[in-house]
Amino acid sequence: MAISRHGKQPRRRTGHFVLKADMDIRVIGNANEAAQRLRRVVRETTGMTLGDSRDGVVMVTHEPALRGLGEDGYALLVSPHAVMLRAATPAGLLNAVEQFRRLLSADGTVTAADLTHLTAPAVAPAWM
């Protein structure tokens, strides 16, 4: 579910990001599993194999400080110049990869997006 932040509607992005065979993924934190899945999604959908580089314009970032997203939540930004998948947990990053897959076409074009998906944090029932 894409939600609004602070009562504002999610920002609408226009345009597309176009993947190219010479592009790399930048992996930050504990995001290797999500980056591998993203590479597999891109290869299966487009036939392209993305490399790994500190300068990659496709970024997969594990940021534990993003606790407000919840256990399975994520933020996904696709602009004409870069892609960022961010989450507080590896599970959230895998969900971001799945959303990215939905935006990716066979020619490597990715629809621009600015999505935040929040999940409820685990809360013990009041009777416990």
Protein backbone atom coordinates (compact mmCIF):
# COMPACT_ATOMS: atom_id res chain seq x y z
CA MET A 1 0.00 0.00 0.00
CA ALA A 2 1.46 3.39 -0.96
CA ILE A 3 0.66 5.87 1.74
CA SER A 4 0.91 9.57 2.25
CA ARG A 5 3.41 11.09 4.64
CA HIS A 6 2.31 13.77 7.09
CA GLY A 7 -1.05 14.18 5.41
CA LYS A 8 0.45 14.77 1.96
CA GLN A 9 -0.26 12.70 -1.10
CA PRO A 10 2.66 10.59 -2.35
CA ARG A 11 4.76 12.53 -4.82
CA ARG A 12 4.00 11.60 -8.37
CA ARG A 13 7.01 10.92 -10.51
CA THR A 14 6.96 11.27 -14.24
CA GLY A 15 9.10 9.63 -16.83
CA HIS A 16 11.03 6.40 -16.73
CA PHE A 17 14.34 4.96 -15.66
CA VAL A 18 16.00 2.90 -18.38
CA LEU A 19 18.25 0.04 -17.35
CA LYS A 20 21.34 -0.55 -19.48
CA ALA A 21 23.55 -3.61 -19.64
CA ASP A 22 26.58 -1.72 -18.25
CA MET A 23 24.77 -0.55 -15.09
CA ASP A 24 25.67 -1.72 -11.61
CA ILE A 25 23.90 -2.17 -8.30
CA ARG A 26 25.24 -0.43 -5.23
CA VAL A 27 24.66 -2.56 -2.12
CA ILE A 28 24.66 -0.84 1.27
CA GLY A 29 24.41 -2.71 4.56
CA ASN A 30 22.85 -6.16 4.89
CA ALA A 31 21.25 -6.05 1.44
CA ASN A 32 23.08 -8.77 -0.47
CA GLU A 33 20.14 -11.18 -0.67
CA ALA A 34 17.83 -8.46 -2.03
CA ALA A 35 20.50 -7.32 -4.51
CA GLN A 36 20.90 -10.91 -5.77
CA ARG A 37 17.14 -11.23 -6.19
CA LEU A 38 17.03 -7.88 -8.00
CA ARG A 39 19.76 -9.06 -10.38
CA ARG A 40 17.77 -12.25 -11.03
CA VAL A 41 14.54 -10.28 -11.69
CA VAL A 42 16.34 -7.99 -14.13
CA ARG A 43 18.05 -10.88 -15.91
CA GLU A 44 14.83 -12.91 -16.22
CA THR A 45 12.79 -9.92 -17.39
CA THR A 46 15.26 -8.14 -19.68
CA GLY A 47 18.17 -10.51 -20.28
CA MET A 48 20.56 -7.93 -18.78
CA THR A 49 23.10 -8.80 -16.10
CA LEU A 50 23.75 -5.99 -13.64
CA GLY A 51 27.15 -5.78 -11.98
CA ASP A 52 28.17 -4.59 -8.53
CA SER A 53 29.81 -1.23 -7.86
CA ARG A 54 30.08 1.46 -5.21
CA ASP A 55 29.02 3.89 -7.95
CA GLY A 56 25.92 2.01 -9.09
CA VAL A 57 22.84 4.07 -9.93
CA VAL A 58 20.59 1.27 -8.71
CA MET A 59 20.91 1.27 -4.91
CA VAL A 60 19.70 -1.41 -2.50
CA THR A 61 20.07 -0.15 1.05
CA HIS A 62 19.47 -1.86 4.38
CA GLU A 63 18.90 0.93 6.92
CA PRO A 64 17.92 -0.38 10.37
CA ALA A 65 17.16 3.22 11.44
CA LEU A 66 14.07 3.15 9.17
CA ARG A 67 12.14 1.27 11.87
CA GLY A 68 9.04 3.37 11.16
CA LEU A 69 8.52 1.39 7.94
CA GLY A 70 7.76 -1.73 9.97
CA GLU A 71 9.15 -5.23 9.63
CA ASP A 72 8.14 -5.70 5.98
CA GLY A 73 7.90 -2.07 4.87
CA TYR A 74 10.06 -0.34 2.27
CA ALA A 75 10.64 2.87 0.35
CA LEU A 76 11.11 2.71 -3.42
CA LEU A 77 12.16 5.69 -5.50
CA VAL A 78 12.48 5.44 -9.26
CA SER A 79 13.50 8.62 -11.05
CA PRO A 80 14.82 9.07 -14.59
CA HIS A 81 18.36 9.11 -13.14
CA ALA A 82 18.46 6.51 -10.34
CA VAL A 83 16.63 3.77 -8.45
CA MET A 84 16.67 3.43 -4.65
CA LEU A 85 15.24 0.52 -2.69
CA ARG A 86 15.43 1.12 1.09
CA ALA A 87 14.16 -0.80 4.12
CA ALA A 88 14.88 -1.41 7.78
CA THR A 89 14.95 -5.18 7.32
CA PRO A 90 16.06 -7.67 4.68
CA ALA A 91 12.40 -8.80 4.41
CA GLY A 92 11.35 -5.24 3.57
CA LEU A 93 14.00 -5.08 0.86
CA LEU A 94 12.70 -8.28 -0.71
CA ASN A 95 9.24 -6.69 -0.83
CA ALA A 96 10.76 -3.63 -2.52
CA VAL A 97 12.34 -5.90 -5.16
CA GLU A 98 8.92 -7.44 -5.81
CA GLN A 99 7.38 -3.99 -6.31
CA PHE A 100 10.28 -3.04 -8.61
CA ARG A 101 9.53 -6.19 -10.65
CA ARG A 102 5.98 -4.95 -11.19
CA LEU A 103 7.28 -1.64 -12.59
CA LEU A 104 9.91 -3.22 -14.88
CA SER A 105 9.17 -3.90 -18.55
CA ALA A 106 10.95 -6.36 -20.85
CA ASP A 107 12.88 -3.55 -22.58
CA GLY A 108 14.42 -2.41 -19.27
CA THR A 109 12.15 0.58 -18.78
CA VAL A 110 11.02 1.16 -15.20
CA THR A 111 8.03 3.41 -14.54
CA ALA A 112 8.96 6.35 -12.29
CA ALA A 113 7.63 6.00 -8.75
CA ASP A 114 7.94 7.34 -5.21
CA LEU A 115 6.37 4.67 -3.02
CA THR A 116 6.43 4.02 0.71
CA HIS A 117 4.90 0.85 2.07
CA LEU A 118 4.45 0.69 5.83
CA THR A 119 3.63 -2.41 7.81
CA ALA A 120 2.38 -2.47 11.37
CA PRO A 121 5.07 -3.22 13.94
CA ALA A 122 4.64 -6.37 15.95
CA VAL A 123 2.73 -5.44 19.09
CA ALA A 124 1.94 -7.78 21.96
CA PRO A 125 -1.78 -8.06 22.74
CA ALA A 126 -2.90 -5.97 25.72
CA TRP A 127 -3.87 -9.09 27.66
CA MET A 128 -0.29 -10.42 27.73
